[in-house]
Protein backbone atom coordinates (compact mmCIF):
# COMPACT_ATOMS: atom_id res chain seq x y z
CA MET A 1 7.34 12.00 2.23
CA LYS A 2 8.01 9.94 -0.41
CA THR A 3 5.11 6.41 -0.51
CA ILE A 4 6.69 3.03 -1.61
CA ILE A 5 3.88 0.58 -3.72
CA LEU A 6 4.10 -3.30 -3.07
CA CYS A 7 3.43 -4.30 -7.16
CA GLY A 8 5.77 -7.38 -7.17
CA GLY A 9 3.19 -9.95 -6.49
CA GLN A 10 1.82 -12.84 -8.18
CA GLY A 11 -1.79 -13.16 -7.24
CA THR A 12 -1.70 -16.66 -7.02
CA ARG A 13 -5.54 -16.87 -5.68
CA MET A 14 -6.82 -14.36 -7.76
CA LYS A 15 -5.45 -15.69 -11.45
CA GLU A 16 -8.97 -15.52 -13.40
CA GLU A 17 -7.31 -11.63 -13.67
CA THR A 18 -3.27 -11.77 -12.29
CA GLU A 19 -3.15 -14.65 -15.10
CA PHE A 20 -2.73 -11.73 -18.11
CA LYS A 21 -1.96 -8.58 -15.78
CA PRO A 22 -0.21 -7.78 -12.63
CA LYS A 23 -2.58 -6.89 -9.33
CA PRO A 24 -2.76 -3.93 -9.43
CA LEU A 25 -3.55 -3.11 -13.01
CA VAL A 26 -6.61 -5.03 -11.78
CA LEU A 27 -10.12 -2.85 -13.05
CA VAL A 28 -12.06 -1.35 -9.79
CA GLY A 29 -14.54 1.05 -11.92
CA GLY A 30 -12.34 1.12 -15.02
CA LYS A 31 -8.98 2.00 -12.88
CA PRO A 32 -6.56 0.19 -11.92
CA ILE A 33 -6.41 -0.55 -8.33
CA LEU A 34 -2.69 1.30 -8.03
CA TRP A 35 -4.60 4.41 -9.27
CA HIS A 36 -7.06 4.22 -6.65
CA ILE A 37 -4.53 4.09 -3.68
CA MET A 38 -2.45 6.96 -5.09
CA LYS A 39 -5.01 8.73 -5.30
CA ILE A 40 -5.71 8.69 -1.73
CA TYR A 41 -2.53 9.63 -1.23
CA SER A 42 -1.95 11.91 -3.35
CA HIS A 43 -5.03 13.95 -1.91
CA TYR A 44 -3.38 14.36 0.80
CA GLY A 45 -1.22 15.94 -0.75
CA TYR A 46 1.68 13.08 -1.02
CA ASN A 47 2.20 12.50 -4.46
CA GLU A 48 5.32 10.97 -4.79
CA PHE A 49 5.69 7.52 -5.53
CA ILE A 50 8.25 4.23 -5.76
CA LEU A 51 6.47 1.22 -7.57
CA ALA A 52 8.42 -2.07 -5.75
CA LEU A 53 8.02 -3.78 -9.34
CA GLY A 54 8.36 -7.54 -10.23
CA TYR A 55 5.39 -9.61 -11.96
CA LYS A 56 4.65 -8.81 -14.66
CA SER A 57 6.30 -4.74 -14.75
CA ASN A 58 6.27 -3.80 -18.12
CA MET A 59 2.73 -3.59 -17.88
CA ILE A 60 2.41 -1.38 -15.23
CA LYS A 61 5.08 0.96 -17.12
CA GLU A 62 3.51 1.11 -19.79
CA TYR A 63 0.54 2.00 -18.28
CA PHE A 64 1.47 4.75 -17.19
CA LEU A 65 3.65 5.87 -19.73
CA HIS A 66 0.39 5.72 -22.09
CA TRP A 67 -2.11 6.97 -19.18
CA ARG A 68 -2.17 10.16 -21.21
CA THR A 69 -3.71 9.06 -24.20
CA PHE A 70 -5.86 6.51 -22.43
CA LEU A 71 -7.40 9.42 -20.87
CA ASN A 72 -8.11 12.35 -23.23
CA ASP A 73 -8.67 13.16 -26.59
CA PHE A 74 -5.72 13.73 -28.99
CA THR A 75 -4.17 14.10 -32.47
CA LEU A 76 -2.19 12.13 -34.10
CA ASP A 77 0.39 13.22 -36.83
CA SER A 78 0.96 9.66 -38.59
CA LYS A 79 4.22 11.60 -40.27
CA THR A 80 5.60 12.97 -37.85
CA ASN A 81 4.67 10.96 -34.96
CA GLU A 82 3.42 14.40 -32.76
CA ILE A 83 0.69 13.76 -30.81
CA THR A 84 -1.47 17.34 -29.64
CA PHE A 85 -3.65 16.52 -26.72
CA HIS A 86 -6.67 18.67 -26.31
CA ASN A 87 -7.26 18.04 -22.85
CA ASN A 88 -5.22 17.28 -20.01
CA ASP A 89 -7.29 14.52 -17.41
CA CYS A 90 -3.82 13.62 -15.43
CA ASP A 91 -3.02 13.45 -11.92
CA ASP A 92 -0.32 15.19 -10.76
CA PHE A 93 1.76 12.20 -9.33
CA LYS A 94 5.90 11.48 -9.55
CA ILE A 95 6.41 8.15 -10.19
CA THR A 96 9.67 6.13 -9.84
CA PHE A 97 9.54 2.23 -11.59
CA ALA A 98 12.06 0.10 -10.03
CA GLU A 99 12.50 -3.02 -10.27
CA THR A 100 12.99 -5.18 -7.19
CA GLY A 101 12.33 -9.05 -8.57
CA LEU A 102 10.67 -11.49 -10.21
CA GLU A 103 10.46 -13.29 -6.78
CA SER A 104 11.70 -10.85 -3.75
CA LEU A 105 9.01 -10.92 -0.60
CA THR A 106 7.97 -7.57 0.53
CA GLY A 107 10.83 -6.61 2.86
CA GLU A 108 13.48 -7.69 0.59
CA ARG A 109 10.99 -4.97 -1.97
CA VAL A 110 11.40 -2.58 0.62
CA ARG A 111 15.48 -3.03 1.52
CA GLN A 112 16.35 -2.58 -2.22
CA LEU A 113 15.06 1.09 -2.43
CA LYS A 114 16.82 2.59 0.31
CA LYS A 115 18.26 4.89 -2.79
CA TYR A 116 15.01 5.65 -3.87
CA VAL A 117 14.07 6.49 -0.29
CA GLY A 118 16.52 9.15 0.93
CA ASP A 119 16.96 10.47 4.25
CA GLU A 120 13.72 11.20 4.56
CA ASP A 121 10.57 9.04 6.21
CA PHE A 122 8.37 7.21 4.13
CA MET A 123 5.12 5.39 3.63
CA VAL A 124 4.42 1.74 2.50
CA THR A 125 1.65 0.09 1.58
CA TYR A 126 0.61 -2.98 -0.36
CA GLY A 127 -0.89 -2.29 -3.82
CA ASP A 128 -4.21 -4.22 -3.20
CA GLY A 129 -5.92 -2.53 -0.62
CA VAL A 130 -8.10 1.09 -0.07
CA ALA A 131 -9.31 2.80 2.74
CA ASP A 132 -10.86 6.40 3.50
CA ILE A 133 -8.20 6.52 5.95
CA ASP A 134 -6.89 10.34 6.54
CA ILE A 135 -3.61 10.23 5.12
CA ASN A 136 -2.56 13.21 7.22
CA LYS A 137 -3.70 12.13 10.47
CA LEU A 138 -1.43 8.94 9.95
CA VAL A 139 1.34 10.70 9.42
CA GLU A 140 0.69 13.05 12.58
CA PHE A 141 0.35 10.43 15.30
CA HIS A 142 3.29 9.05 13.95
CA LYS A 143 5.25 12.10 14.77
CA GLN A 144 3.25 12.10 17.65
CA GLN A 145 4.16 8.74 18.58
CA ASN A 146 7.85 9.36 17.40
CA THR A 147 8.76 5.52 17.39
CA ILE A 148 10.41 3.73 14.15
CA GLY A 149 7.33 2.39 12.24
CA THR A 150 3.52 3.07 12.52
CA ILE A 151 1.47 0.55 10.95
CA THR A 152 -2.44 1.09 10.42
CA GLY A 153 -4.92 -1.67 12.47
CA VAL A 154 -7.92 -2.37 10.92
CA CYS A 155 -10.67 -4.52 12.20
CA ARG A 156 -9.67 -8.35 12.10
CA GLU A 157 -10.60 -10.63 9.39
CA GLY A 158 -9.48 -14.28 9.78
CA ARG A 159 -6.37 -14.65 7.21
CA PHE A 160 -3.60 -12.00 8.36
CA GLY A 161 -1.94 -11.54 11.10
CA VAL A 162 -2.87 -10.24 14.40
CA ILE A 163 -1.54 -7.24 16.49
CA GLU A 164 -2.48 -6.52 19.40
CA LYS A 165 -2.22 -3.08 20.37
CA ASP A 166 -1.58 -1.77 24.04
CA ALA A 167 -4.34 0.98 24.60
CA GLU A 168 -2.74 3.64 26.78
CA SER A 169 0.49 3.70 24.66
CA GLY A 170 -0.52 3.48 21.25
CA LYS A 171 2.10 0.43 20.05
CA ALA A 172 2.19 -2.37 19.05
CA LYS A 173 2.19 -5.24 22.39
CA GLU A 174 2.99 -8.31 19.82
CA TYR A 175 2.36 -9.53 16.11
CA PHE A 176 1.67 -12.80 14.73
CA GLN A 177 -0.03 -15.14 11.78
CA LEU A 178 -3.47 -16.51 13.17
CA GLY A 179 -2.77 -20.43 13.90
CA VAL A 180 0.14 -19.71 15.52
CA ARG A 181 -1.12 -19.61 19.28
CA ASP A 182 -4.42 -18.28 21.03
CA ILE A 183 -4.36 -14.81 22.16
CA GLU A 184 -4.04 -14.54 26.47
CA LYS A 185 -5.34 -11.67 27.64
CA ASN A 186 -3.74 -9.74 31.06
CA ASP A 187 -4.75 -6.72 32.99
CA THR A 188 -3.85 -4.88 30.80
CA ALA A 189 -5.89 -3.81 28.05
CA VAL A 190 -5.04 -4.80 25.19
CA THR A 191 -6.73 -4.33 21.19
CA GLU A 192 -6.64 -6.82 18.73
CA PHE A 193 -5.64 -5.61 14.92
CA ILE A 194 -4.78 -6.90 11.27
CA ASN A 195 -2.36 -4.91 9.43
CA GLY A 196 -4.37 -3.12 7.00
CA GLY A 197 -0.98 -1.50 5.21
CA TYR A 198 -0.75 2.55 5.55
CA MET A 199 2.67 2.32 6.68
CA VAL A 200 5.02 4.95 8.25
CA PHE A 201 8.73 4.09 8.60
CA LYS A 202 11.66 6.34 9.78
CA ASN A 203 14.62 5.78 7.68
CA GLU A 204 16.57 3.59 9.64
CA VAL A 205 14.19 0.77 9.45
CA LEU A 206 16.15 0.15 6.27
CA ASP A 207 18.72 -1.15 8.41
CA LEU A 208 16.38 -3.10 10.22
CA ILE A 209 14.78 -5.26 7.63
CA GLU A 210 16.60 -8.32 7.03
CA LYS A 211 17.45 -9.81 3.33
CA ASP A 212 15.16 -11.73 1.71
CA SER A 213 12.19 -10.62 4.21
CA MET A 214 9.00 -10.33 4.34
CA ILE A 215 8.14 -6.16 5.63
CA GLU A 216 5.93 -8.35 8.32
CA LYS A 217 9.16 -9.58 9.89
CA VAL A 218 10.50 -6.44 11.02
CA PHE A 219 7.57 -5.84 13.36
CA VAL A 220 9.31 -8.18 15.78
CA PRO A 221 12.12 -6.45 16.76
CA LEU A 222 11.04 -3.37 16.37
CA ILE A 223 7.77 -4.22 19.41
CA GLU A 224 10.68 -5.83 21.67
CA LYS A 225 12.47 -2.04 21.66
CA LYS A 226 8.95 0.02 21.63
CA GLN A 227 9.43 0.93 18.02
CA LEU A 228 5.86 -0.29 16.54
CA SER A 229 3.06 2.13 16.80
CA VAL A 230 -0.43 1.50 15.64
CA PHE A 231 -2.35 4.16 14.31
CA ALA A 232 -6.26 2.86 14.99
CA HIS A 233 -8.55 3.09 11.38
CA GLU A 234 -11.90 2.62 12.06
CA GLY A 235 -13.06 3.62 9.31
CA SER A 236 -13.45 1.59 6.07
CA TRP A 237 -10.94 -0.42 5.03
CA LYS A 238 -11.18 -3.29 1.99
CA CYS A 239 -8.11 -5.57 0.31
CA MET A 240 -8.54 -7.21 -3.30
CA ASP A 241 -7.19 -10.74 -2.47
CA THR A 242 -9.51 -13.02 -4.53
CA TYR A 243 -11.85 -12.56 -7.94
CA LYS A 244 -14.85 -12.23 -5.05
CA GLU A 245 -12.77 -9.48 -3.67
CA VAL A 246 -13.05 -7.67 -6.75
CA GLU A 247 -16.29 -8.15 -7.77
CA GLU A 248 -17.29 -6.71 -4.61
CA LEU A 249 -14.86 -3.50 -4.33
CA ASN A 250 -16.14 -3.05 -8.44
CA GLY A 251 -20.18 -3.48 -6.72
CA GLU A 252 -18.46 -0.41 -3.55
CA TRP A 253 -17.78 1.66 -6.78
CA GLU A 254 -21.19 1.97 -7.96
CA LYS A 255 -22.95 2.14 -4.99
CA ASN A 256 -20.66 3.53 -1.71
CA PRO A 257 -17.29 3.88 -2.85
CA PHE A 258 -15.57 4.56 0.60
CA TRP A 259 -12.36 5.39 -0.51
CA LYS A 260 -13.23 7.88 -2.69
CA VAL A 261 -11.80 10.38 -0.54
CA TRP A 262 -11.09 12.82 -3.27
CA GLN A 263 -14.32 14.06 -4.34
């Protein structure tokens, strides 16, 4: 199963970093946040990635094209340009680099990748969030639910859209952006989450995503059809949306790298 990582946004809330580099290349513990996300998936055996590129995409390509030279000792013959590596400290990733447009919204980026996804289920996540999530359990839950989509629900924070999950069926009841309305409880048990990324979809969702849309827009018709499930992640999760959060993640890396499941 392939994993799409959304890497094309401009990261406007953290200009201190993204003025000079794309957000997925912002460093946490000396490595790009993108690398940390890929390591989470790879730990569970999912090492085929499709990077949906946009803003400063060449820097992401250059990083991976040259990362063996960043990580290893090597000898360069300047006359022949031959490189001899003395060790091979490198991850086992298979990466497709796909240009999806400078201004494209997230749904449009995913929609464009149909030719690379193939006919199988696939995963999608954002290029700025890490978690101590068990990807195998996520995929198993998705298969058991047998819905078109599964999103990972994490504890609510103020600036993200809210998902109401039916506690009995595990399916989403509603999705809305904060500020649109207050949550009205009824007799049915519901639990509130935000979308933490780490999503799984059946291939048919690619025909449901509207052109030039956000990926979240497809949640609404899926919910109406009872075709969106919520995998409740009760562990730790953190996104990197501001420079303050960059500093916080670097502090976590030194003291408690909760997402380092590959230890």
